[in-house]
Amino acid sequence: MKNNNEEQKQEFLFEGINYKILLIGIAVIALGFILMSGGGSDDPNVFNEEVFNFRRIRLAPTTVLIGFGITIYSIFKKSK
């Protein structure tokens, strides 16, 4: 005699498309943090203006916010 637990199939919280969108969002967030890195100076007495370039001030934070938006969308996306 089989138990009801053995007959039930494992059910995930989300569908496969939700997990794919979530992984894309996480990859976009990681890309944003990679774009944000660098720009430091080897000599602590010398200031490096590279910290304030477009990539670190505008592009990287926007990329991270877009990644968070994608992950939030993947969580709220309704399954069929």
N, C-alpha and C. Protein backbone atom coordinates (compact mmCIF):
# COMPACT_ATOMS: atom_id res chain seq x y z
N MET A 1 0.83 -1.17 0.00
CA MET A 1 0.00 0.00 0.00
C MET A 1 0.89 1.24 0.00
N LYS A 2 0.65 2.16 -0.96
CA LYS A 2 1.48 3.35 -1.09
C LYS A 2 0.94 4.47 -0.22
N ASN A 3 1.86 5.21 0.28
CA ASN A 3 1.53 6.37 1.09
C ASN A 3 1.18 7.55 0.17
N ASN A 4 0.33 8.46 0.62
CA ASN A 4 -0.03 9.62 -0.19
C ASN A 4 1.17 10.49 -0.51
N ASN A 5 2.14 10.54 0.38
CA ASN A 5 3.33 11.35 0.15
C ASN A 5 4.16 10.81 -1.00
N GLU A 6 4.19 9.50 -1.18
CA GLU A 6 4.96 8.91 -2.27
C GLU A 6 4.30 9.16 -3.62
N GLU A 7 2.99 9.27 -3.64
CA GLU A 7 2.27 9.47 -4.91
C GLU A 7 2.33 10.92 -5.37
N GLN A 8 2.49 11.85 -4.45
CA GLN A 8 2.52 13.25 -4.82
C GLN A 8 3.86 13.59 -5.45
N LYS A 9 3.78 14.38 -6.52
CA LYS A 9 4.99 14.82 -7.20
C LYS A 9 5.49 16.10 -6.53
N GLN A 10 6.80 16.28 -6.49
CA GLN A 10 7.38 17.49 -5.90
C GLN A 10 6.89 18.70 -6.69
N GLU A 11 6.39 19.68 -5.98
CA GLU A 11 5.88 20.88 -6.62
C GLU A 11 6.72 22.07 -6.19
N PHE A 12 7.22 22.82 -7.18
CA PHE A 12 8.04 23.98 -6.90
C PHE A 12 7.16 25.20 -6.68
N LEU A 13 7.73 26.22 -6.04
CA LEU A 13 6.99 27.43 -5.75
C LEU A 13 6.70 28.21 -7.03
N PHE A 14 7.66 28.27 -7.95
CA PHE A 14 7.51 28.97 -9.21
C PHE A 14 7.62 28.00 -10.37
N GLU A 15 7.29 28.49 -11.56
CA GLU A 15 7.49 27.68 -12.77
C GLU A 15 8.89 27.92 -13.31
N GLY A 16 9.26 27.16 -14.30
CA GLY A 16 10.61 27.24 -14.86
C GLY A 16 10.94 28.61 -15.42
N ILE A 17 9.96 29.26 -16.07
CA ILE A 17 10.22 30.58 -16.67
C ILE A 17 10.54 31.60 -15.59
N ASN A 18 9.91 31.48 -14.42
CA ASN A 18 10.19 32.40 -13.33
C ASN A 18 11.64 32.27 -12.87
N TYR A 19 12.13 31.04 -12.79
CA TYR A 19 13.52 30.82 -12.36
C TYR A 19 14.50 31.33 -13.42
N LYS A 20 14.16 31.18 -14.69
CA LYS A 20 15.04 31.69 -15.75
C LYS A 20 15.13 33.21 -15.69
N ILE A 21 13.98 33.88 -15.51
CA ILE A 21 13.99 35.33 -15.41
C ILE A 21 14.75 35.78 -14.16
N LEU A 22 14.59 35.04 -13.07
CA LEU A 22 15.30 35.35 -11.83
C LEU A 22 16.81 35.25 -12.03
N LEU A 23 17.27 34.23 -12.71
CA LEU A 23 18.71 34.08 -12.97
C LEU A 23 19.24 35.19 -13.87
N ILE A 24 18.43 35.62 -14.84
CA ILE A 24 18.82 36.73 -15.71
C ILE A 24 18.96 38.00 -14.87
N GLY A 25 18.01 38.23 -13.96
CA GLY A 25 18.07 39.39 -13.09
C GLY A 25 19.30 39.38 -12.20
N ILE A 26 19.64 38.24 -11.65
CA ILE A 26 20.82 38.13 -10.81
C ILE A 26 22.09 38.38 -11.63
N ALA A 27 22.12 37.91 -12.88
CA ALA A 27 23.27 38.15 -13.74
C ALA A 27 23.41 39.64 -14.07
N VAL A 28 22.29 40.34 -14.28
CA VAL A 28 22.34 41.77 -14.56
C VAL A 28 22.83 42.54 -13.33
N ILE A 29 22.40 42.13 -12.14
CA ILE A 29 22.88 42.76 -10.91
C ILE A 29 24.39 42.55 -10.77
N ALA A 30 24.85 41.34 -11.02
CA ALA A 30 26.29 41.05 -10.94
C ALA A 30 27.07 41.89 -11.94
N LEU A 31 26.53 42.05 -13.15
CA LEU A 31 27.18 42.88 -14.16
C LEU A 31 27.29 44.32 -13.68
N GLY A 32 26.24 44.82 -13.04
CA GLY A 32 26.28 46.18 -12.51
C GLY A 32 27.36 46.37 -11.46
N PHE A 33 27.52 45.39 -10.58
CA PHE A 33 28.56 45.50 -9.56
C PHE A 33 29.95 45.36 -10.17
N ILE A 34 30.08 44.57 -11.23
CA ILE A 34 31.38 44.47 -11.92
C ILE A 34 31.72 45.80 -12.58
N LEU A 35 30.70 46.45 -13.19
CA LEU A 35 30.94 47.75 -13.82
C LEU A 35 31.32 48.81 -12.77
N MET A 36 30.84 48.65 -11.56
CA MET A 36 31.10 49.62 -10.50
C MET A 36 32.50 49.49 -9.92
N SER A 37 33.13 48.35 -10.08
CA SER A 37 34.41 48.10 -9.42
C SER A 37 35.56 48.84 -10.10
N GLY A 38 36.65 48.94 -9.38
CA GLY A 38 37.86 49.55 -9.92
C GLY A 38 37.91 51.05 -9.70
N GLY A 39 38.90 51.67 -10.31
CA GLY A 39 39.03 53.12 -10.24
C GLY A 39 39.81 53.64 -9.07
N GLY A 40 40.36 52.76 -8.27
CA GLY A 40 41.13 53.21 -7.12
C GLY A 40 42.54 53.60 -7.51
N SER A 41 43.21 54.23 -6.60
CA SER A 41 44.59 54.64 -6.84
C SER A 41 45.53 53.74 -6.04
N ASP A 42 46.68 53.43 -6.63
CA ASP A 42 47.67 52.62 -5.92
C ASP A 42 48.37 53.42 -4.84
N ASP A 43 48.52 54.70 -5.09
CA ASP A 43 49.18 55.58 -4.13
C ASP A 43 48.11 56.33 -3.33
N PRO A 44 48.05 56.18 -2.01
CA PRO A 44 47.01 56.84 -1.23
C PRO A 44 47.13 58.36 -1.20
N ASN A 45 48.28 58.91 -1.60
CA ASN A 45 48.47 60.37 -1.61
C ASN A 45 47.99 61.00 -2.91
N VAL A 46 47.66 60.19 -3.91
CA VAL A 46 47.24 60.70 -5.21
C VAL A 46 45.77 60.37 -5.42
N PHE A 47 44.96 61.39 -5.74
CA PHE A 47 43.54 61.19 -5.99
C PHE A 47 43.33 60.83 -7.45
N ASN A 48 42.51 59.82 -7.70
CA ASN A 48 42.24 59.37 -9.07
C ASN A 48 40.84 59.81 -9.48
N GLU A 49 40.75 60.64 -10.51
CA GLU A 49 39.46 61.13 -11.01
C GLU A 49 38.63 60.03 -11.69
N GLU A 50 39.22 58.89 -11.93
CA GLU A 50 38.55 57.78 -12.60
C GLU A 50 37.34 57.28 -11.80
N VAL A 51 37.27 57.59 -10.53
CA VAL A 51 36.16 57.18 -9.68
C VAL A 51 34.86 57.83 -10.15
N PHE A 52 34.94 59.03 -10.70
CA PHE A 52 33.75 59.80 -11.05
C PHE A 52 33.39 59.73 -12.54
N ASN A 53 33.80 58.68 -13.24
CA ASN A 53 33.44 58.62 -14.65
C ASN A 53 32.01 58.11 -14.84
N PHE A 54 31.50 58.19 -16.05
CA PHE A 54 30.11 57.85 -16.36
C PHE A 54 29.76 56.41 -15.99
N ARG A 55 30.69 55.49 -16.23
CA ARG A 55 30.42 54.08 -15.99
C ARG A 55 30.13 53.80 -14.52
N ARG A 56 30.87 54.40 -13.61
CA ARG A 56 30.70 54.11 -12.18
C ARG A 56 29.60 54.94 -11.53
N ILE A 57 29.31 56.12 -12.07
CA ILE A 57 28.32 57.00 -11.44
C ILE A 57 26.93 56.79 -11.99
N ARG A 58 26.79 56.55 -13.30
CA ARG A 58 25.47 56.45 -13.92
C ARG A 58 25.12 55.04 -14.41
N LEU A 59 26.01 54.44 -15.17
CA LEU A 59 25.70 53.18 -15.84
C LEU A 59 25.57 52.01 -14.85
N ALA A 60 26.52 51.87 -13.95
CA ALA A 60 26.51 50.72 -13.03
C ALA A 60 25.32 50.74 -12.08
N PRO A 61 25.00 51.86 -11.41
CA PRO A 61 23.82 51.85 -10.54
C PRO A 61 22.51 51.64 -11.29
N THR A 62 22.42 52.18 -12.50
CA THR A 62 21.22 51.96 -13.32
C THR A 62 21.09 50.50 -13.69
N THR A 63 22.21 49.85 -14.01
CA THR A 63 22.19 48.43 -14.34
C THR A 63 21.75 47.59 -13.14
N VAL A 64 22.23 47.95 -11.96
CA VAL A 64 21.84 47.21 -10.75
C VAL A 64 20.34 47.39 -10.48
N LEU A 65 19.83 48.60 -10.63
CA LEU A 65 18.39 48.84 -10.42
C LEU A 65 17.54 48.09 -11.43
N ILE A 66 17.98 48.04 -12.67
CA ILE A 66 17.26 47.26 -13.69
C ILE A 66 17.27 45.78 -13.32
N GLY A 67 18.39 45.29 -12.83
CA GLY A 67 18.47 43.90 -12.38
C GLY A 67 17.51 43.61 -11.24
N PHE A 68 17.40 44.54 -10.28
CA PHE A 68 16.43 44.36 -9.19
C PHE A 68 15.01 44.37 -9.73
N GLY A 69 14.74 45.22 -10.72
CA GLY A 69 13.42 45.24 -11.34
C GLY A 69 13.09 43.92 -12.02
N ILE A 70 14.06 43.33 -12.69
CA ILE A 70 13.85 42.05 -13.36
C ILE A 70 13.58 40.95 -12.33
N THR A 71 14.31 40.94 -11.23
CA THR A 71 14.08 39.90 -10.22
C THR A 71 12.72 40.08 -9.55
N ILE A 72 12.30 41.31 -9.30
CA ILE A 72 10.98 41.54 -8.73
C ILE A 72 9.89 41.09 -9.70
N TYR A 73 10.09 41.37 -10.99
CA TYR A 73 9.13 40.91 -12.00
C TYR A 73 9.03 39.39 -12.00
N SER A 74 10.17 38.71 -11.86
CA SER A 74 10.15 37.25 -11.89
C SER A 74 9.40 36.68 -10.69
N ILE A 75 9.43 37.38 -9.58
CA ILE A 75 8.72 36.90 -8.39
C ILE A 75 7.21 37.12 -8.55
N PHE A 76 6.81 38.27 -9.10
CA PHE A 76 5.38 38.60 -9.19
C PHE A 76 4.70 38.03 -10.42
N LYS A 77 5.47 37.48 -11.37
CA LYS A 77 4.88 36.95 -12.61
C LYS A 77 3.98 35.76 -12.25
N LYS A 78 2.74 35.85 -12.71
CA LYS A 78 1.76 34.79 -12.43
C LYS A 78 2.01 33.58 -13.32
N SER A 79 1.81 32.42 -12.77
CA SER A 79 1.91 31.19 -13.57
C SER A 79 0.54 30.91 -14.18
N LYS A 80 0.57 30.12 -15.24
CA LYS A 80 -0.68 29.84 -15.96
C LYS A 80 -1.56 28.87 -15.23
